[in-house]
Amino acid sequence: MPRYFFNLRYGPGAGKLAVDPEGDELADVEAAREHALQTARDLVAGPPSMAVRDWFACSFEIEDEQTRPVLTIPFSDIVPEVDDEDQIG
């Protein structure tokens, strides 16, 4: 099973990237995407962080075992999109 690394981008520049040294073995890229979204939900719902003031400005920069970029998942993706028909008034 492939291993994916979920590096947390919490601001601009190299100093604002928390590198995932272990990664997770997941079936495919779609499983990695779902894992990133669930982890983002858990972080946003958890206790406040001293390093991160705005979780919705964060993203996961997902890499494969060869450190090639695979996906970038903004934390804002955890908020469902609202269709015009679903909006009130």
C-alpha atoms as a PDB file:
ATOM      1  CA  MET A   1       0.000   0.000   0.000  1.00  0.00           C
ATOM      2  CA  PRO A   2       1.370   3.464  -0.818  1.00  0.00           C
ATOM      3  CA  ARG A   3       2.442   5.864   1.927  1.00  0.00           C
ATOM      4  CA  TYR A   4       1.336   9.500   1.895  1.00  0.00           C
ATOM      5  CA  PHE A   5       2.789  12.352   3.941  1.00  0.00           C
ATOM      6  CA  PHE A   6       0.457  15.076   5.235  1.00  0.00           C
ATOM      7  CA  ASN A   7       2.549  18.229   5.620  1.00  0.00           C
ATOM      8  CA  LEU A   8       0.614  20.981   7.378  1.00  0.00           C
ATOM      9  CA  ARG A   9       0.918  24.433   5.817  1.00  0.00           C
ATOM     10  CA  TYR A  10      -0.123  27.010   8.438  1.00  0.00           C
ATOM     11  CA  GLY A  11       1.305  30.176   6.881  1.00  0.00           C
ATOM     12  CA  PRO A  12       3.475  31.470   4.056  1.00  0.00           C
ATOM     13  CA  GLY A  13       7.141  30.534   3.839  1.00  0.00           C
ATOM     14  CA  ALA A  14       9.234  27.509   4.712  1.00  0.00           C
ATOM     15  CA  GLY A  15       8.992  28.237   8.440  1.00  0.00           C
ATOM     16  CA  LYS A  16       5.243  27.698   8.415  1.00  0.00           C
ATOM     17  CA  LEU A  17       5.239  24.095   7.206  1.00  0.00           C
ATOM     18  CA  ALA A  18       4.990  21.230   9.697  1.00  0.00           C
ATOM     19  CA  VAL A  19       6.488  18.221   7.906  1.00  0.00           C
ATOM     20  CA  ASP A  20       4.921  14.820   8.507  1.00  0.00           C
ATOM     21  CA  PRO A  21       7.893  12.487   9.123  1.00  0.00           C
ATOM     22  CA  GLU A  22       5.884   9.238   9.309  1.00  0.00           C
ATOM     23  CA  GLY A  23       3.042   9.437   6.813  1.00  0.00           C
ATOM     24  CA  ASP A  24       0.150   7.009   6.544  1.00  0.00           C
ATOM     25  CA  GLU A  25      -0.381   3.958   4.370  1.00  0.00           C
ATOM     26  CA  LEU A  26      -3.574   4.412   2.387  1.00  0.00           C
ATOM     27  CA  ALA A  27      -5.138   2.639  -0.578  1.00  0.00           C
ATOM     28  CA  ASP A  28      -4.951   5.507  -3.091  1.00  0.00           C
ATOM     29  CA  VAL A  29      -5.048   9.257  -3.651  1.00  0.00           C
ATOM     30  CA  GLU A  30      -8.793   9.450  -2.932  1.00  0.00           C
ATOM     31  CA  ALA A  31      -8.236   7.736   0.429  1.00  0.00           C
ATOM     32  CA  ALA A  32      -5.459  10.258   1.136  1.00  0.00           C
ATOM     33  CA  ARG A  33      -7.861  13.102   0.323  1.00  0.00           C
ATOM     34  CA  GLU A  34     -10.523  11.723   2.669  1.00  0.00           C
ATOM     35  CA  HIS A  35      -7.917  11.196   5.398  1.00  0.00           C
ATOM     36  CA  ALA A  36      -6.756  14.824   5.042  1.00  0.00           C
ATOM     37  CA  LEU A  37     -10.329  16.126   5.269  1.00  0.00           C
ATOM     38  CA  GLN A  38     -11.091  14.059   8.375  1.00  0.00           C
ATOM     39  CA  THR A  39      -7.846  15.126  10.044  1.00  0.00           C
ATOM     40  CA  ALA A  40      -8.631  18.764   9.227  1.00  0.00           C
ATOM     41  CA  ARG A  41     -12.083  18.369  10.819  1.00  0.00           C
ATOM     42  CA  ASP A  42     -10.494  16.887  13.936  1.00  0.00           C
ATOM     43  CA  LEU A  43      -7.952  19.722  14.216  1.00  0.00           C
ATOM     44  CA  VAL A  44     -10.567  22.453  13.753  1.00  0.00           C
ATOM     45  CA  ALA A  45     -12.864  20.840  16.340  1.00  0.00           C
ATOM     46  CA  GLY A  46     -10.046  20.236  18.840  1.00  0.00           C
ATOM     47  CA  PRO A  47      -8.498  22.503  21.458  1.00  0.00           C
ATOM     48  CA  PRO A  48      -7.021  25.850  20.348  1.00  0.00           C
ATOM     49  CA  SER A  49      -3.455  25.835  19.053  1.00  0.00           C
ATOM     50  CA  MET A  50      -0.737  28.291  20.057  1.00  0.00           C
ATOM     51  CA  ALA A  51       0.849  28.064  16.570  1.00  0.00           C
ATOM     52  CA  VAL A  52      -2.316  28.247  14.462  1.00  0.00           C
ATOM     53  CA  ARG A  53      -4.691  31.162  14.844  1.00  0.00           C
ATOM     54  CA  ASP A  54      -6.903  30.479  11.802  1.00  0.00           C
ATOM     55  CA  TRP A  55      -7.346  26.838  10.821  1.00  0.00           C
ATOM     56  CA  PHE A  56      -9.204  27.867   7.664  1.00  0.00           C
ATOM     57  CA  ALA A  57      -6.041  29.510   6.342  1.00  0.00           C
ATOM     58  CA  CYS A  58      -4.274  26.117   6.604  1.00  0.00           C
ATOM     59  CA  SER A  59      -3.884  23.293   4.138  1.00  0.00           C
ATOM     60  CA  PHE A  60      -2.366  19.849   3.859  1.00  0.00           C
ATOM     61  CA  GLU A  61       0.349  19.523   1.217  1.00  0.00           C
ATOM     62  CA  ILE A  62       0.256  15.798   0.550  1.00  0.00           C
ATOM     63  CA  GLU A  63       3.318  14.053  -0.878  1.00  0.00           C
ATOM     64  CA  ASP A  64       3.974  10.487  -1.957  1.00  0.00           C
ATOM     65  CA  GLU A  65       6.872   8.261  -0.873  1.00  0.00           C
ATOM     66  CA  GLN A  66       9.186   9.942  -3.387  1.00  0.00           C
ATOM     67  CA  THR A  67       8.306  13.388  -1.917  1.00  0.00           C
ATOM     68  CA  ARG A  68       6.381  14.287  -5.066  1.00  0.00           C
ATOM     69  CA  PRO A  69       3.408  16.621  -4.518  1.00  0.00           C
ATOM     70  CA  VAL A  70       0.142  14.716  -4.878  1.00  0.00           C
ATOM     71  CA  LEU A  71      -2.599  17.023  -3.562  1.00  0.00           C
ATOM     72  CA  THR A  72      -3.126  20.229  -1.662  1.00  0.00           C
ATOM     73  CA  ILE A  73      -6.218  20.139   0.545  1.00  0.00           C
ATOM     74  CA  PRO A  74      -7.275  23.507   1.997  1.00  0.00           C
ATOM     75  CA  PHE A  75      -8.979  23.222   5.374  1.00  0.00           C
ATOM     76  CA  SER A  76     -11.800  25.328   3.919  1.00  0.00           C
ATOM     77  CA  ASP A  77     -12.768  22.201   1.930  1.00  0.00           C
ATOM     78  CA  ILE A  78     -14.312  20.775   5.115  1.00  0.00           C
ATOM     79  CA  VAL A  79     -17.101  23.355   4.880  1.00  0.00           C
ATOM     80  CA  PRO A  80     -19.826  22.136   2.529  1.00  0.00           C
ATOM     81  CA  GLU A  81     -20.682  24.380  -0.384  1.00  0.00           C
ATOM     82  CA  VAL A  82     -24.157  25.872  -0.265  1.00  0.00           C
ATOM     83  CA  ASP A  83     -26.190  25.892  -3.474  1.00  0.00           C
ATOM     84  CA  ASP A  84     -28.111  29.050  -4.308  1.00  0.00           C
ATOM     85  CA  GLU A  85     -31.335  27.081  -3.862  1.00  0.00           C
ATOM     86  CA  ASP A  86     -30.304  26.096  -0.316  1.00  0.00           C
ATOM     87  CA  GLN A  87     -29.728  29.682   0.832  1.00  0.00           C
ATOM     88  CA  ILE A  88     -32.411  31.338   2.921  1.00  0.00           C
ATOM     89  CA  GLY A  89     -33.977  34.597   1.801  1.00  0.00           C
END
